[in-house]
Amino acid sequence: MPQLQRLHLDHAPALLEFERRNRAYFAASIPDRGEDYFAHFDARHAALLAEQAAGVCHFHVLMDEGGEVLGRVNLVDVADGSAELGYRIAEHAAGRGLATAGVREVCALAAAEYGLTGLRASTTLDNAASRAVLARTGFTPCGETELSGRPGLRFERSLAGEAGRRHP
């Protein structure tokens, strides 16, 4: 069973491979990271770890037993007890409930470990799988948005009552 781990320096090679291998798959539903991301991956990874150390973001990877990154579940723009949730799952691992499990676990961590009281998320209207993950994990639609020129929905979730509770 994949394990959610807080991002650390040693994840860099596996994370880069995950992003490269799934680049086209991700770009079909979310904006592509661009060549600069891959060309300067080590510097970007170090910057993410610095943001995490400052408490501005909380980054996580879903790792299989062999050390392969199967997904990411991140909390960014932490401020005033709230953060923005983002996640992505490898193409070959999609449809197995990993996004739902990872989001549930990060919601519990957000409340119990990071002291957050609410989360936000957004997805495009045509991303039915992402909307389903958000619905299964307690997020409710709260408005419309536009993501890279595509219509989308904004979601929110209260973390009241989550502190001290972990989801496997």
N, C-alpha and C. Protein backbone atom coordinates (compact mmCIF):
# COMPACT_ATOMS: atom_id res chain seq x y z
N MET A 1 0.85 -1.19 0.00
CA MET A 1 0.00 0.00 0.00
C MET A 1 0.89 1.24 0.00
N PRO A 2 0.64 2.19 -0.88
CA PRO A 2 1.43 3.42 -0.91
C PRO A 2 1.37 4.17 0.42
N GLN A 3 2.46 4.84 0.72
CA GLN A 3 2.58 5.58 1.97
C GLN A 3 2.75 7.07 1.66
N LEU A 4 2.00 7.90 2.39
CA LEU A 4 2.14 9.34 2.27
C LEU A 4 3.33 9.78 3.09
N GLN A 5 4.25 10.52 2.45
CA GLN A 5 5.44 11.01 3.14
C GLN A 5 5.57 12.50 2.91
N ARG A 6 6.03 13.20 3.92
CA ARG A 6 6.32 14.62 3.77
C ARG A 6 7.53 14.74 2.85
N LEU A 7 7.47 15.67 1.92
CA LEU A 7 8.53 15.85 0.94
C LEU A 7 9.86 16.15 1.63
N HIS A 8 10.92 15.49 1.18
CA HIS A 8 12.26 15.80 1.67
C HIS A 8 13.26 15.72 0.52
N LEU A 9 14.48 16.11 0.78
CA LEU A 9 15.52 16.22 -0.23
C LEU A 9 15.73 14.92 -1.01
N ASP A 10 15.69 13.79 -0.32
CA ASP A 10 15.94 12.50 -0.96
C ASP A 10 14.88 12.09 -1.96
N HIS A 11 13.73 12.75 -1.96
CA HIS A 11 12.68 12.43 -2.91
C HIS A 11 12.97 12.98 -4.32
N ALA A 12 13.93 13.87 -4.45
CA ALA A 12 14.15 14.59 -5.71
C ALA A 12 14.25 13.68 -6.94
N PRO A 13 15.10 12.66 -6.97
CA PRO A 13 15.20 11.85 -8.20
C PRO A 13 13.89 11.16 -8.57
N ALA A 14 13.21 10.57 -7.60
CA ALA A 14 11.94 9.87 -7.87
C ALA A 14 10.85 10.86 -8.27
N LEU A 15 10.86 12.04 -7.67
CA LEU A 15 9.86 13.05 -8.00
C LEU A 15 10.07 13.57 -9.42
N LEU A 16 11.30 13.81 -9.80
CA LEU A 16 11.59 14.26 -11.16
C LEU A 16 11.15 13.21 -12.17
N GLU A 17 11.42 11.95 -11.89
CA GLU A 17 10.99 10.87 -12.79
C GLU A 17 9.47 10.82 -12.89
N PHE A 18 8.78 10.98 -11.78
CA PHE A 18 7.31 11.02 -11.76
C PHE A 18 6.79 12.14 -12.66
N GLU A 19 7.35 13.33 -12.51
CA GLU A 19 6.90 14.48 -13.30
C GLU A 19 7.21 14.29 -14.79
N ARG A 20 8.37 13.76 -15.12
CA ARG A 20 8.72 13.52 -16.53
C ARG A 20 7.83 12.46 -17.15
N ARG A 21 7.67 11.35 -16.45
CA ARG A 21 6.91 10.22 -16.99
C ARG A 21 5.44 10.58 -17.22
N ASN A 22 4.90 11.45 -16.38
CA ASN A 22 3.48 11.76 -16.45
C ASN A 22 3.18 13.14 -17.05
N ARG A 23 4.18 13.78 -17.62
CA ARG A 23 4.01 15.16 -18.10
C ARG A 23 2.86 15.29 -19.09
N ALA A 24 2.82 14.49 -20.11
CA ALA A 24 1.75 14.60 -21.11
C ALA A 24 0.39 14.28 -20.49
N TYR A 25 0.34 13.29 -19.63
CA TYR A 25 -0.91 12.92 -18.97
C TYR A 25 -1.44 14.08 -18.13
N PHE A 26 -0.58 14.72 -17.35
CA PHE A 26 -1.00 15.85 -16.53
C PHE A 26 -1.42 17.04 -17.40
N ALA A 27 -0.68 17.29 -18.46
CA ALA A 27 -0.95 18.45 -19.32
C ALA A 27 -2.31 18.36 -20.01
N ALA A 28 -2.88 17.17 -20.07
CA ALA A 28 -4.21 17.02 -20.67
C ALA A 28 -5.30 17.63 -19.79
N SER A 29 -5.02 17.81 -18.48
CA SER A 29 -6.07 18.33 -17.60
C SER A 29 -5.65 19.55 -16.79
N ILE A 30 -4.36 19.82 -16.70
CA ILE A 30 -3.88 20.99 -15.97
C ILE A 30 -2.74 21.63 -16.77
N PRO A 31 -2.44 22.89 -16.52
CA PRO A 31 -1.37 23.54 -17.28
C PRO A 31 -0.03 22.82 -17.13
N ASP A 32 0.69 22.71 -18.24
CA ASP A 32 2.01 22.09 -18.25
C ASP A 32 2.98 22.91 -17.41
N ARG A 33 3.91 22.26 -16.76
CA ARG A 33 4.90 22.95 -15.92
C ARG A 33 5.92 23.73 -16.74
N GLY A 34 6.11 23.37 -17.99
CA GLY A 34 7.06 24.07 -18.85
C GLY A 34 8.47 23.52 -18.75
N GLU A 35 9.27 23.82 -19.76
CA GLU A 35 10.64 23.32 -19.84
C GLU A 35 11.50 23.80 -18.68
N ASP A 36 11.28 25.04 -18.24
CA ASP A 36 12.10 25.61 -17.16
C ASP A 36 12.01 24.78 -15.88
N TYR A 37 10.83 24.24 -15.60
CA TYR A 37 10.64 23.41 -14.41
C TYR A 37 11.60 22.23 -14.42
N PHE A 38 11.70 21.57 -15.57
CA PHE A 38 12.55 20.39 -15.67
C PHE A 38 14.03 20.76 -15.76
N ALA A 39 14.35 21.83 -16.45
CA ALA A 39 15.74 22.27 -16.61
C ALA A 39 16.35 22.70 -15.28
N HIS A 40 15.53 23.23 -14.39
CA HIS A 40 16.02 23.74 -13.10
C HIS A 40 15.36 23.02 -11.93
N PHE A 41 15.12 21.72 -12.11
CA PHE A 41 14.37 20.97 -11.11
C PHE A 41 15.03 21.01 -9.73
N ASP A 42 16.34 20.83 -9.66
CA ASP A 42 17.01 20.79 -8.35
C ASP A 42 16.82 22.09 -7.58
N ALA A 43 16.94 23.22 -8.27
CA ALA A 43 16.74 24.53 -7.62
C ALA A 43 15.29 24.66 -7.18
N ARG A 44 14.37 24.23 -8.02
CA ARG A 44 12.94 24.30 -7.68
C ARG A 44 12.63 23.42 -6.47
N HIS A 45 13.20 22.23 -6.43
CA HIS A 45 12.98 21.32 -5.31
C HIS A 45 13.50 21.95 -4.01
N ALA A 46 14.68 22.55 -4.07
CA ALA A 46 15.24 23.22 -2.89
C ALA A 46 14.35 24.37 -2.44
N ALA A 47 13.79 25.10 -3.40
CA ALA A 47 12.89 26.21 -3.06
C ALA A 47 11.62 25.70 -2.39
N LEU A 48 11.10 24.58 -2.86
CA LEU A 48 9.91 23.99 -2.23
C LEU A 48 10.21 23.59 -0.79
N LEU A 49 11.36 22.99 -0.57
CA LEU A 49 11.72 22.58 0.78
C LEU A 49 11.90 23.80 1.70
N ALA A 50 12.41 24.89 1.15
CA ALA A 50 12.54 26.12 1.95
C ALA A 50 11.16 26.68 2.30
N GLU A 51 10.23 26.66 1.36
CA GLU A 51 8.85 27.12 1.63
C GLU A 51 8.22 26.24 2.71
N GLN A 52 8.46 24.94 2.61
CA GLN A 52 7.91 24.01 3.60
C GLN A 52 8.51 24.29 4.99
N ALA A 53 9.81 24.51 5.05
CA ALA A 53 10.46 24.80 6.33
C ALA A 53 9.93 26.09 6.95
N ALA A 54 9.53 27.04 6.09
CA ALA A 54 8.98 28.31 6.58
C ALA A 54 7.50 28.20 6.96
N GLY A 55 6.88 27.03 6.68
CA GLY A 55 5.47 26.84 7.03
C GLY A 55 4.49 27.44 6.04
N VAL A 56 4.98 27.89 4.90
CA VAL A 56 4.13 28.50 3.88
C VAL A 56 3.39 27.43 3.07
N CYS A 57 3.98 26.25 2.97
CA CYS A 57 3.42 25.14 2.21
C CYS A 57 3.75 23.83 2.92
N HIS A 58 3.00 22.80 2.59
CA HIS A 58 3.24 21.45 3.10
C HIS A 58 3.12 20.51 1.91
N PHE A 59 4.24 19.91 1.53
CA PHE A 59 4.29 19.04 0.34
C PHE A 59 4.41 17.59 0.76
N HIS A 60 3.72 16.71 0.02
CA HIS A 60 3.71 15.29 0.32
C HIS A 60 3.80 14.48 -0.97
N VAL A 61 4.39 13.30 -0.86
CA VAL A 61 4.43 12.36 -1.97
C VAL A 61 3.80 11.05 -1.51
N LEU A 62 3.15 10.37 -2.44
CA LEU A 62 2.65 9.01 -2.21
C LEU A 62 3.68 8.08 -2.81
N MET A 63 4.33 7.29 -1.96
CA MET A 63 5.42 6.41 -2.39
C MET A 63 4.98 4.95 -2.32
N ASP A 64 5.38 4.18 -3.34
CA ASP A 64 5.13 2.74 -3.25
C ASP A 64 6.29 2.09 -2.51
N GLU A 65 6.19 0.79 -2.30
CA GLU A 65 7.19 0.06 -1.52
C GLU A 65 8.57 0.10 -2.17
N GLY A 66 8.63 0.26 -3.49
CA GLY A 66 9.90 0.28 -4.22
C GLY A 66 10.52 1.66 -4.35
N GLY A 67 9.90 2.68 -3.76
CA GLY A 67 10.46 4.03 -3.82
C GLY A 67 10.00 4.86 -4.99
N GLU A 68 8.99 4.39 -5.73
CA GLU A 68 8.45 5.15 -6.85
C GLU A 68 7.39 6.13 -6.34
N VAL A 69 7.44 7.36 -6.83
CA VAL A 69 6.40 8.34 -6.51
C VAL A 69 5.18 8.02 -7.37
N LEU A 70 4.04 7.78 -6.71
CA LEU A 70 2.79 7.51 -7.40
C LEU A 70 1.88 8.73 -7.42
N GLY A 71 2.19 9.71 -6.57
CA GLY A 71 1.35 10.90 -6.54
C GLY A 71 1.90 11.95 -5.62
N ARG A 72 1.27 13.11 -5.70
CA ARG A 72 1.61 14.25 -4.84
C ARG A 72 0.31 14.78 -4.25
N VAL A 73 0.36 15.21 -3.01
CA VAL A 73 -0.77 15.87 -2.36
C VAL A 73 -0.17 17.03 -1.57
N ASN A 74 -0.50 18.25 -1.98
CA ASN A 74 0.16 19.43 -1.43
C ASN A 74 -0.82 20.43 -0.86
N LEU A 75 -0.35 21.17 0.13
CA LEU A 75 -1.07 22.30 0.70
C LEU A 75 -0.20 23.53 0.47
N VAL A 76 -0.71 24.50 -0.27
CA VAL A 76 0.06 25.70 -0.60
C VAL A 76 -0.67 26.94 -0.13
N ASP A 77 0.06 28.03 -0.10
CA ASP A 77 -0.50 29.33 0.30
C ASP A 77 -1.16 29.26 1.67
N VAL A 78 -0.44 28.69 2.62
CA VAL A 78 -0.93 28.59 4.00
C VAL A 78 -0.96 29.99 4.61
N ALA A 79 -2.14 30.39 5.07
CA ALA A 79 -2.32 31.69 5.73
C ALA A 79 -3.65 31.70 6.45
N ASP A 80 -3.68 32.33 7.60
CA ASP A 80 -4.91 32.53 8.36
C ASP A 80 -5.68 31.23 8.60
N GLY A 81 -4.96 30.14 8.87
CA GLY A 81 -5.60 28.87 9.19
C GLY A 81 -6.14 28.10 8.00
N SER A 82 -5.78 28.52 6.80
CA SER A 82 -6.32 27.91 5.60
C SER A 82 -5.21 27.64 4.59
N ALA A 83 -5.46 26.78 3.62
CA ALA A 83 -4.49 26.48 2.56
C ALA A 83 -5.24 25.99 1.33
N GLU A 84 -4.54 26.01 0.20
CA GLU A 84 -5.06 25.50 -1.06
C GLU A 84 -4.53 24.08 -1.26
N LEU A 85 -5.44 23.14 -1.52
CA LEU A 85 -5.09 21.75 -1.76
C LEU A 85 -4.85 21.52 -3.24
N GLY A 86 -3.81 20.77 -3.56
CA GLY A 86 -3.56 20.33 -4.92
C GLY A 86 -3.06 18.90 -4.90
N TYR A 87 -3.37 18.13 -5.93
CA TYR A 87 -2.92 16.74 -5.98
C TYR A 87 -2.84 16.28 -7.41
N ARG A 88 -2.01 15.27 -7.64
CA ARG A 88 -1.87 14.63 -8.94
C ARG A 88 -1.39 13.20 -8.72
N ILE A 89 -1.93 12.30 -9.51
CA ILE A 89 -1.62 10.87 -9.39
C ILE A 89 -1.08 10.39 -10.73
N ALA A 90 -0.07 9.53 -10.70
CA ALA A 90 0.52 8.98 -11.92
C ALA A 90 -0.55 8.29 -12.77
N GLU A 91 -0.38 8.37 -14.07
CA GLU A 91 -1.36 7.77 -14.99
C GLU A 91 -1.57 6.29 -14.70
N HIS A 92 -0.49 5.54 -14.51
CA HIS A 92 -0.64 4.09 -14.30
C HIS A 92 -1.23 3.75 -12.93
N ALA A 93 -1.32 4.72 -12.02
CA ALA A 93 -1.87 4.48 -10.68
C ALA A 93 -3.27 5.08 -10.51
N ALA A 94 -3.75 5.76 -11.53
CA ALA A 94 -5.06 6.42 -11.44
C ALA A 94 -6.18 5.37 -11.37
N GLY A 95 -7.27 5.75 -10.72
CA GLY A 95 -8.44 4.89 -10.64
C GLY A 95 -8.37 3.84 -9.54
N ARG A 96 -7.38 3.93 -8.66
CA ARG A 96 -7.23 2.94 -7.59
C ARG A 96 -7.55 3.51 -6.22
N GLY A 97 -8.06 4.75 -6.17
CA GLY A 97 -8.42 5.36 -4.90
C GLY A 97 -7.26 6.06 -4.19
N LEU A 98 -6.12 6.19 -4.86
CA LEU A 98 -4.96 6.81 -4.23
C LEU A 98 -5.19 8.30 -3.96
N ALA A 99 -5.81 9.00 -4.89
CA ALA A 99 -6.07 10.43 -4.68
C ALA A 99 -7.00 10.62 -3.48
N THR A 100 -8.06 9.84 -3.42
CA THR A 100 -9.00 9.95 -2.31
C THR A 100 -8.31 9.65 -0.98
N ALA A 101 -7.54 8.58 -0.92
CA ALA A 101 -6.84 8.22 0.32
C ALA A 101 -5.82 9.29 0.70
N GLY A 102 -5.06 9.78 -0.29
CA GLY A 102 -4.06 10.80 -0.02
C GLY A 102 -4.68 12.10 0.46
N VAL A 103 -5.78 12.52 -0.17
CA VAL A 103 -6.45 13.75 0.24
C VAL A 103 -7.02 13.59 1.65
N ARG A 104 -7.62 12.46 1.94
CA ARG A 104 -8.14 12.23 3.30
C ARG A 104 -7.02 12.34 4.34
N GLU A 105 -5.89 11.72 4.05
CA GLU A 105 -4.79 11.75 5.02
C GLU A 105 -4.23 13.16 5.17
N VAL A 106 -4.11 13.89 4.08
CA VAL A 106 -3.60 15.26 4.17
C VAL A 106 -4.59 16.16 4.91
N CYS A 107 -5.88 15.94 4.74
CA CYS A 107 -6.87 16.72 5.49
C CYS A 107 -6.69 16.50 7.00
N ALA A 108 -6.47 15.25 7.38
CA ALA A 108 -6.24 14.95 8.79
C ALA A 108 -4.95 15.59 9.29
N LEU A 109 -3.88 15.51 8.49
CA LEU A 109 -2.62 16.14 8.85
C LEU A 109 -2.77 17.65 8.95
N ALA A 110 -3.53 18.22 8.03
CA ALA A 110 -3.73 19.68 8.01
C ALA A 110 -4.30 20.15 9.34
N ALA A 111 -5.23 19.41 9.88
CA ALA A 111 -5.85 19.79 11.15
C ALA A 111 -4.95 19.43 12.34
N ALA A 112 -4.49 18.20 12.38
CA ALA A 112 -3.78 17.70 13.56
C ALA A 112 -2.34 18.18 13.66
N GLU A 113 -1.64 18.25 12.55
CA GLU A 113 -0.21 18.58 12.57
C GLU A 113 0.08 20.03 12.19
N TYR A 114 -0.69 20.56 11.25
CA TYR A 114 -0.39 21.89 10.71
C TYR A 114 -1.30 22.98 11.28
N GLY A 115 -2.29 22.59 12.09
CA GLY A 115 -3.15 23.56 12.75
C GLY A 115 -4.09 24.33 11.84
N LEU A 116 -4.43 23.75 10.70
CA LEU A 116 -5.33 24.44 9.76
C LEU A 116 -6.79 24.16 10.10
N THR A 117 -7.64 25.09 9.77
CA THR A 117 -9.07 24.96 10.05
C THR A 117 -9.92 24.85 8.79
N GLY A 118 -9.32 25.08 7.63
CA GLY A 118 -10.07 24.99 6.39
C GLY A 118 -9.16 24.83 5.19
N LEU A 119 -9.70 24.21 4.14
CA LEU A 119 -8.96 24.02 2.90
C LEU A 119 -9.80 24.47 1.72
N ARG A 120 -9.11 24.89 0.66
CA ARG A 120 -9.73 25.27 -0.60
C ARG A 120 -9.14 24.39 -1.69
N ALA A 121 -9.89 24.22 -2.77
CA ALA A 121 -9.39 23.49 -3.94
C ALA A 121 -10.16 23.98 -5.16
N SER A 122 -9.58 23.78 -6.33
CA SER A 122 -10.25 24.14 -7.58
C SER A 122 -9.97 23.06 -8.61
N THR A 123 -10.90 22.87 -9.52
CA THR A 123 -10.69 21.95 -10.63
C THR A 123 -11.53 22.42 -11.81
N THR A 124 -11.14 21.98 -12.99
CA THR A 124 -11.90 22.33 -14.19
C THR A 124 -13.19 21.52 -14.22
N LEU A 125 -14.18 22.06 -14.90
CA LEU A 125 -15.47 21.37 -15.01
C LEU A 125 -15.34 20.02 -15.71
N ASP A 126 -14.40 19.92 -16.65
CA ASP A 126 -14.26 18.67 -17.40
C ASP A 126 -13.42 17.61 -16.68
N ASN A 127 -12.96 17.89 -15.47
CA ASN A 127 -12.17 16.92 -14.71
C ASN A 127 -13.07 16.22 -13.69
N ALA A 128 -13.88 15.30 -14.20
CA ALA A 128 -14.85 14.59 -13.36
C ALA A 128 -14.16 13.80 -12.25
N ALA A 129 -13.01 13.21 -12.52
CA ALA A 129 -12.31 12.42 -11.50
C ALA A 129 -11.90 13.30 -10.32
N SER A 130 -11.39 14.47 -10.60
CA SER A 130 -10.98 15.38 -9.52
C SER A 130 -12.19 15.87 -8.73
N ARG A 131 -13.26 16.19 -9.42
CA ARG A 131 -14.48 16.62 -8.72
C ARG A 131 -14.98 15.49 -7.81
N ALA A 132 -14.89 14.24 -8.26
CA ALA A 132 -15.34 13.10 -7.47
C ALA A 132 -14.47 12.94 -6.22
N VAL A 133 -13.15 13.09 -6.36
CA VAL A 133 -12.25 13.00 -5.20
C VAL A 133 -12.63 14.06 -4.18
N LEU A 134 -12.84 15.28 -4.63
CA LEU A 134 -13.19 16.35 -3.70
C LEU A 134 -14.52 16.08 -3.01
N ALA A 135 -15.50 15.58 -3.74
CA ALA A 135 -16.80 15.26 -3.13
C ALA A 135 -16.66 14.14 -2.09
N ARG A 136 -15.89 13.10 -2.42
CA ARG A 136 -15.71 11.97 -1.50
C ARG A 136 -14.96 12.36 -0.23
N THR A 137 -14.20 13.43 -0.30
CA THR A 137 -13.37 13.82 0.85
C THR A 137 -13.92 15.03 1.59
N GLY A 138 -15.19 15.34 1.36
CA GLY A 138 -15.87 16.34 2.17
C GLY A 138 -15.80 17.77 1.68
N PHE A 139 -15.29 18.01 0.48
CA PHE A 139 -15.28 19.35 -0.09
C PHE A 139 -16.62 19.65 -0.72
N THR A 140 -17.05 20.90 -0.63
CA THR A 140 -18.30 21.31 -1.25
C THR A 140 -18.03 22.46 -2.22
N PRO A 141 -18.76 22.48 -3.35
CA PRO A 141 -18.58 23.57 -4.30
C PRO A 141 -18.98 24.90 -3.66
N CYS A 142 -18.22 25.94 -3.97
CA CYS A 142 -18.52 27.25 -3.39
C CYS A 142 -18.46 28.37 -4.43
N GLY A 143 -18.31 28.03 -5.69
CA GLY A 143 -18.31 29.07 -6.70
C GLY A 143 -17.62 28.61 -7.98
N GLU A 144 -17.76 29.44 -8.98
CA GLU A 144 -17.13 29.17 -10.27
C GLU A 144 -15.79 29.88 -10.35
N THR A 145 -14.94 29.38 -11.21
CA THR A 145 -13.63 29.99 -11.43
C THR A 145 -13.19 29.69 -12.86
N GLU A 146 -12.05 30.21 -13.22
CA GLU A 146 -11.45 29.91 -14.52
C GLU A 146 -10.01 29.48 -14.25
N LEU A 147 -9.63 28.36 -14.84
CA LEU A 147 -8.28 27.81 -14.66
C LEU A 147 -7.63 27.69 -16.03
N SER A 148 -6.64 28.51 -16.28
CA SER A 148 -5.93 28.54 -17.57
C SER A 148 -6.91 28.66 -18.73
N GLY A 149 -7.90 29.54 -18.57
CA GLY A 149 -8.86 29.78 -19.63
C GLY A 149 -9.99 28.77 -19.71
N ARG A 150 -10.02 27.82 -18.80
CA ARG A 150 -11.07 26.79 -18.82
C ARG A 150 -12.00 26.99 -17.63
N PRO A 151 -13.30 26.78 -17.82
CA PRO A 151 -14.24 26.94 -16.71
C PRO A 151 -14.00 25.89 -15.63
N GLY A 152 -14.15 26.32 -14.38
CA GLY A 152 -13.93 25.41 -13.28
C GLY A 152 -14.80 25.73 -12.09
N LEU A 153 -14.60 24.96 -11.05
CA LEU A 153 -15.32 25.14 -9.79
C LEU A 153 -14.32 25.29 -8.66
N ARG A 154 -14.68 26.13 -7.69
CA ARG A 154 -13.94 26.26 -6.45
C ARG A 154 -14.66 25.43 -5.40
N PHE A 155 -13.88 24.85 -4.50
CA PHE A 155 -14.40 24.01 -3.43
C PHE A 155 -13.79 24.47 -2.11
N GLU A 156 -14.47 24.12 -1.01
CA GLU A 156 -13.92 24.38 0.31
C GLU A 156 -14.31 23.25 1.25
N ARG A 157 -13.53 23.14 2.31
CA ARG A 157 -13.81 22.13 3.33
C ARG A 157 -13.36 22.65 4.69
N SER A 158 -14.25 22.55 5.64
CA SER A 158 -13.92 22.88 7.02
C SER A 158 -13.20 21.67 7.62
N LEU A 159 -12.21 21.96 8.45
CA LEU A 159 -11.49 20.89 9.14
C LEU A 159 -11.90 20.79 10.61
N ALA A 160 -12.97 21.46 10.98
CA ALA A 160 -13.47 21.39 12.35
C ALA A 160 -13.75 19.93 12.70
N GLY A 161 -13.26 19.51 13.84
CA GLY A 161 -13.47 18.13 14.28
C GLY A 161 -12.44 17.16 13.76
N GLU A 162 -11.52 17.61 12.92
CA GLU A 162 -10.50 16.72 12.35
C GLU A 162 -9.29 16.55 13.25
N ALA A 163 -9.00 17.51 14.11
CA ALA A 163 -7.79 17.46 14.93
C ALA A 163 -7.76 16.16 15.72
N GLY A 164 -6.62 15.48 15.67
CA GLY A 164 -6.45 14.24 16.41
C GLY A 164 -6.96 13.01 15.71
N ARG A 165 -7.55 13.18 14.53
CA ARG A 165 -8.08 12.05 13.80
C ARG A 165 -7.23 11.81 12.57
N ARG A 166 -6.72 10.59 12.37
CA ARG A 166 -5.93 10.25 11.19
C ARG A 166 -6.71 9.27 10.36
N HIS A 167 -6.63 9.42 9.05
CA HIS A 167 -7.29 8.50 8.12
C HIS A 167 -6.22 7.64 7.46
N PRO A 168 -6.40 6.33 7.46
CA PRO A 168 -5.41 5.47 6.82
C PRO A 168 -5.41 5.62 5.32
